[in-house]
Amino acid sequence: MDSENQGVLQTVSLLSVALIALVMGVQKLIRDWRTTKAESDIISIMHKEIERMSTQNSTLSIELGKLQEEIIELNNQISKLNIENNRLQEEISTLTLELNNFKKLTTLVSKKDVT
């Protein structure tokens, strides 16, 4: 009977150790699963953010292209205005010269009339 009790005691001890190992193993699996799930969630969030940023980048690229086209058009207009401005300055210079010549002529005519 003593050996039967000892056998039962050993079996209970062995089952207890096995149960403790099983519980610890399950806890580790749950902890690892949570970590893996958290990592998966973070990766999923990062993928969504990358997709959002990619869409935003495409939109920004299109708008940047439009702005560059507008800048080119504005530069063309500035160039035309500069050409027109130069032409007007030349015309003003010519008119000023003619006016000065007219003043000189008038002065000469006035002097001739006086003498």
C-alpha atoms as a PDB file:
ATOM      1  CA  MET A   1       0.000   0.000   0.000  1.00  0.00           C
ATOM      2  CA  ASP A   2       2.866   2.261   0.731  1.00  0.00           C
ATOM      3  CA  SER A   3       4.219   1.713  -2.729  1.00  0.00           C
ATOM      4  CA  GLU A   4       0.785   2.368  -4.217  1.00  0.00           C
ATOM      5  CA  ASN A   5       0.603   5.696  -2.367  1.00  0.00           C
ATOM      6  CA  GLN A   6       4.062   6.503  -3.545  1.00  0.00           C
ATOM      7  CA  GLY A   7       3.074   5.656  -7.144  1.00  0.00           C
ATOM      8  CA  VAL A   8      -0.051   7.811  -6.905  1.00  0.00           C
ATOM      9  CA  LEU A   9       2.008  10.609  -5.347  1.00  0.00           C
ATOM     10  CA  GLN A  10       4.517  10.397  -8.200  1.00  0.00           C
ATOM     11  CA  THR A  11       1.723  10.379 -10.773  1.00  0.00           C
ATOM     12  CA  VAL A  12       0.063  13.404  -9.163  1.00  0.00           C
ATOM     13  CA  SER A  13       3.426  15.187  -9.020  1.00  0.00           C
ATOM     14  CA  LEU A  14       4.121  14.373 -12.641  1.00  0.00           C
ATOM     15  CA  LEU A  15       0.646  15.543 -13.678  1.00  0.00           C
ATOM     16  CA  SER A  16       1.118  18.744 -11.641  1.00  0.00           C
ATOM     17  CA  VAL A  17       4.443  19.462 -13.338  1.00  0.00           C
ATOM     18  CA  ALA A  18       2.884  18.698 -16.738  1.00  0.00           C
ATOM     19  CA  LEU A  19      -0.102  20.944 -15.952  1.00  0.00           C
ATOM     20  CA  ILE A  20       2.195  23.796 -14.828  1.00  0.00           C
ATOM     21  CA  ALA A  21       4.286  23.370 -18.009  1.00  0.00           C
ATOM     22  CA  LEU A  22       1.108  23.340 -20.113  1.00  0.00           C
ATOM     23  CA  VAL A  23      -0.204  26.511 -18.451  1.00  0.00           C
ATOM     24  CA  MET A  24       3.143  28.247 -18.902  1.00  0.00           C
ATOM     25  CA  GLY A  25       3.265  27.128 -22.541  1.00  0.00           C
ATOM     26  CA  VAL A  26      -0.261  28.421 -23.191  1.00  0.00           C
ATOM     27  CA  GLN A  27       0.604  31.744 -21.507  1.00  0.00           C
ATOM     28  CA  LYS A  28       3.696  32.081 -23.692  1.00  0.00           C
ATOM     29  CA  LEU A  29       1.662  31.301 -26.812  1.00  0.00           C
ATOM     30  CA  ILE A  30      -0.946  33.902 -25.849  1.00  0.00           C
ATOM     31  CA  ARG A  31       1.758  36.483 -25.103  1.00  0.00           C
ATOM     32  CA  ASP A  32       3.491  35.704 -28.436  1.00  0.00           C
ATOM     33  CA  TRP A  33       0.148  35.836 -30.262  1.00  0.00           C
ATOM     34  CA  ARG A  34      -0.600  39.243 -28.750  1.00  0.00           C
ATOM     35  CA  THR A  35       2.853  40.496 -29.750  1.00  0.00           C
ATOM     36  CA  THR A  36       2.425  39.104 -33.246  1.00  0.00           C
ATOM     37  CA  LYS A  37      -1.061  40.626 -33.484  1.00  0.00           C
ATOM     38  CA  ALA A  38       0.238  43.984 -32.291  1.00  0.00           C
ATOM     39  CA  GLU A  39       3.052  43.832 -34.828  1.00  0.00           C
ATOM     40  CA  SER A  40       0.575  42.872 -37.556  1.00  0.00           C
ATOM     41  CA  ASP A  41      -1.699  45.751 -36.557  1.00  0.00           C
ATOM     42  CA  ILE A  42       1.220  48.190 -36.667  1.00  0.00           C
ATOM     43  CA  ILE A  43       2.298  46.891 -40.076  1.00  0.00           C
ATOM     44  CA  SER A  44      -1.280  47.172 -41.332  1.00  0.00           C
ATOM     45  CA  ILE A  45      -1.511  50.773 -40.086  1.00  0.00           C
ATOM     46  CA  MET A  46       1.812  51.563 -41.753  1.00  0.00           C
ATOM     47  CA  HIS A  47       0.593  50.080 -45.057  1.00  0.00           C
ATOM     48  CA  LYS A  48      -2.559  52.200 -44.922  1.00  0.00           C
ATOM     49  CA  GLU A  49      -0.516  55.310 -44.156  1.00  0.00           C
ATOM     50  CA  ILE A  50       1.861  54.576 -47.050  1.00  0.00           C
ATOM     51  CA  GLU A  51      -1.115  54.183 -49.397  1.00  0.00           C
ATOM     52  CA  ARG A  52      -2.598  57.476 -48.132  1.00  0.00           C
ATOM     53  CA  MET A  53       0.722  59.250 -48.577  1.00  0.00           C
ATOM     54  CA  SER A  54       1.106  57.778 -52.072  1.00  0.00           C
ATOM     55  CA  THR A  55      -2.301  59.147 -53.061  1.00  0.00           C
ATOM     56  CA  GLN A  56      -1.434  62.510 -51.532  1.00  0.00           C
ATOM     57  CA  ASN A  57       1.912  62.496 -53.360  1.00  0.00           C
ATOM     58  CA  SER A  58       0.168  61.860 -56.689  1.00  0.00           C
ATOM     59  CA  THR A  59      -2.209  64.760 -56.064  1.00  0.00           C
ATOM     60  CA  LEU A  60       0.672  67.035 -55.101  1.00  0.00           C
ATOM     61  CA  SER A  61       2.618  66.024 -58.221  1.00  0.00           C
ATOM     62  CA  ILE A  62      -0.331  66.922 -60.453  1.00  0.00           C
ATOM     63  CA  GLU A  63      -0.767  70.299 -58.736  1.00  0.00           C
ATOM     64  CA  LEU A  64       2.969  70.973 -58.938  1.00  0.00           C
ATOM     65  CA  GLY A  65       2.848  70.306 -62.682  1.00  0.00           C
ATOM     66  CA  LYS A  66      -0.012  72.800 -63.027  1.00  0.00           C
ATOM     67  CA  LEU A  67       1.935  75.409 -61.061  1.00  0.00           C
ATOM     68  CA  GLN A  68       4.999  74.892 -63.241  1.00  0.00           C
ATOM     69  CA  GLU A  69       2.873  75.412 -66.359  1.00  0.00           C
ATOM     70  CA  GLU A  70       1.476  78.632 -64.865  1.00  0.00           C
ATOM     71  CA  ILE A  71       5.010  79.830 -64.042  1.00  0.00           C
ATOM     72  CA  ILE A  72       6.090  79.174 -67.636  1.00  0.00           C
ATOM     73  CA  GLU A  73       3.085  81.127 -68.932  1.00  0.00           C
ATOM     74  CA  LEU A  74       3.794  84.009 -66.527  1.00  0.00           C
ATOM     75  CA  ASN A  75       7.453  84.074 -67.635  1.00  0.00           C
ATOM     76  CA  ASN A  76       6.285  84.272 -71.264  1.00  0.00           C
ATOM     77  CA  GLN A  77       3.987  87.177 -70.389  1.00  0.00           C
ATOM     78  CA  ILE A  78       6.807  88.946 -68.522  1.00  0.00           C
ATOM     79  CA  SER A  79       9.054  88.509 -71.545  1.00  0.00           C
ATOM     80  CA  LYS A  80       6.400  90.010 -73.837  1.00  0.00           C
ATOM     81  CA  LEU A  81       5.853  92.902 -71.425  1.00  0.00           C
ATOM     82  CA  ASN A  82       9.602  93.565 -71.286  1.00  0.00           C
ATOM     83  CA  ILE A  83       9.749  93.695 -75.091  1.00  0.00           C
ATOM     84  CA  GLU A  84       6.761  96.067 -75.156  1.00  0.00           C
ATOM     85  CA  ASN A  85       8.333  98.204 -72.424  1.00  0.00           C
ATOM     86  CA  ASN A  86      11.597  98.478 -74.382  1.00  0.00           C
ATOM     87  CA  ARG A  87       9.679  99.457 -77.522  1.00  0.00           C
ATOM     88  CA  LEU A  88       7.769 102.130 -75.599  1.00  0.00           C
ATOM     89  CA  GLN A  89      11.000 103.486 -74.099  1.00  0.00           C
ATOM     90  CA  GLU A  90      12.492 103.751 -77.581  1.00  0.00           C
ATOM     91  CA  GLU A  91       9.378 105.560 -78.779  1.00  0.00           C
ATOM     92  CA  ILE A  92       9.554 107.948 -75.802  1.00  0.00           C
ATOM     93  CA  SER A  93      13.213 108.639 -76.579  1.00  0.00           C
ATOM     94  CA  THR A  94      12.363 109.344 -80.213  1.00  0.00           C
ATOM     95  CA  LEU A  95       9.483 111.640 -79.240  1.00  0.00           C
ATOM     96  CA  THR A  96      11.681 113.454 -76.707  1.00  0.00           C
ATOM     97  CA  LEU A  97      14.326 113.986 -79.366  1.00  0.00           C
ATOM     98  CA  GLU A  98      11.736 115.296 -81.810  1.00  0.00           C
ATOM     99  CA  LEU A  99      10.324 117.620 -79.130  1.00  0.00           C
ATOM    100  CA  ASN A 100      13.794 118.957 -78.351  1.00  0.00           C
ATOM    101  CA  ASN A 101      14.416 119.502 -82.052  1.00  0.00           C
ATOM    102  CA  PHE A 102      11.081 121.278 -82.345  1.00  0.00           C
ATOM    103  CA  LYS A 103      11.957 123.506 -79.357  1.00  0.00           C
ATOM    104  CA  LYS A 104      15.297 124.366 -80.946  1.00  0.00           C
ATOM    105  CA  LEU A 105      13.625 125.140 -84.225  1.00  0.00           C
ATOM    106  CA  THR A 106      11.049 127.324 -82.493  1.00  0.00           C
ATOM    107  CA  THR A 107      13.778 129.129 -80.628  1.00  0.00           C
ATOM    108  CA  LEU A 108      15.673 129.742 -83.846  1.00  0.00           C
ATOM    109  CA  VAL A 109      12.584 130.951 -85.621  1.00  0.00           C
ATOM    110  CA  SER A 110      11.796 133.262 -82.679  1.00  0.00           C
ATOM    111  CA  LYS A 111      15.310 134.683 -82.758  1.00  0.00           C
ATOM    112  CA  LYS A 112      15.131 135.190 -86.500  1.00  0.00           C
ATOM    113  CA  ASP A 113      11.850 137.049 -86.170  1.00  0.00           C
ATOM    114  CA  VAL A 114      13.362 139.310 -83.530  1.00  0.00           C
ATOM    115  CA  THR A 115      16.315 140.306 -85.692  1.00  0.00           C
END
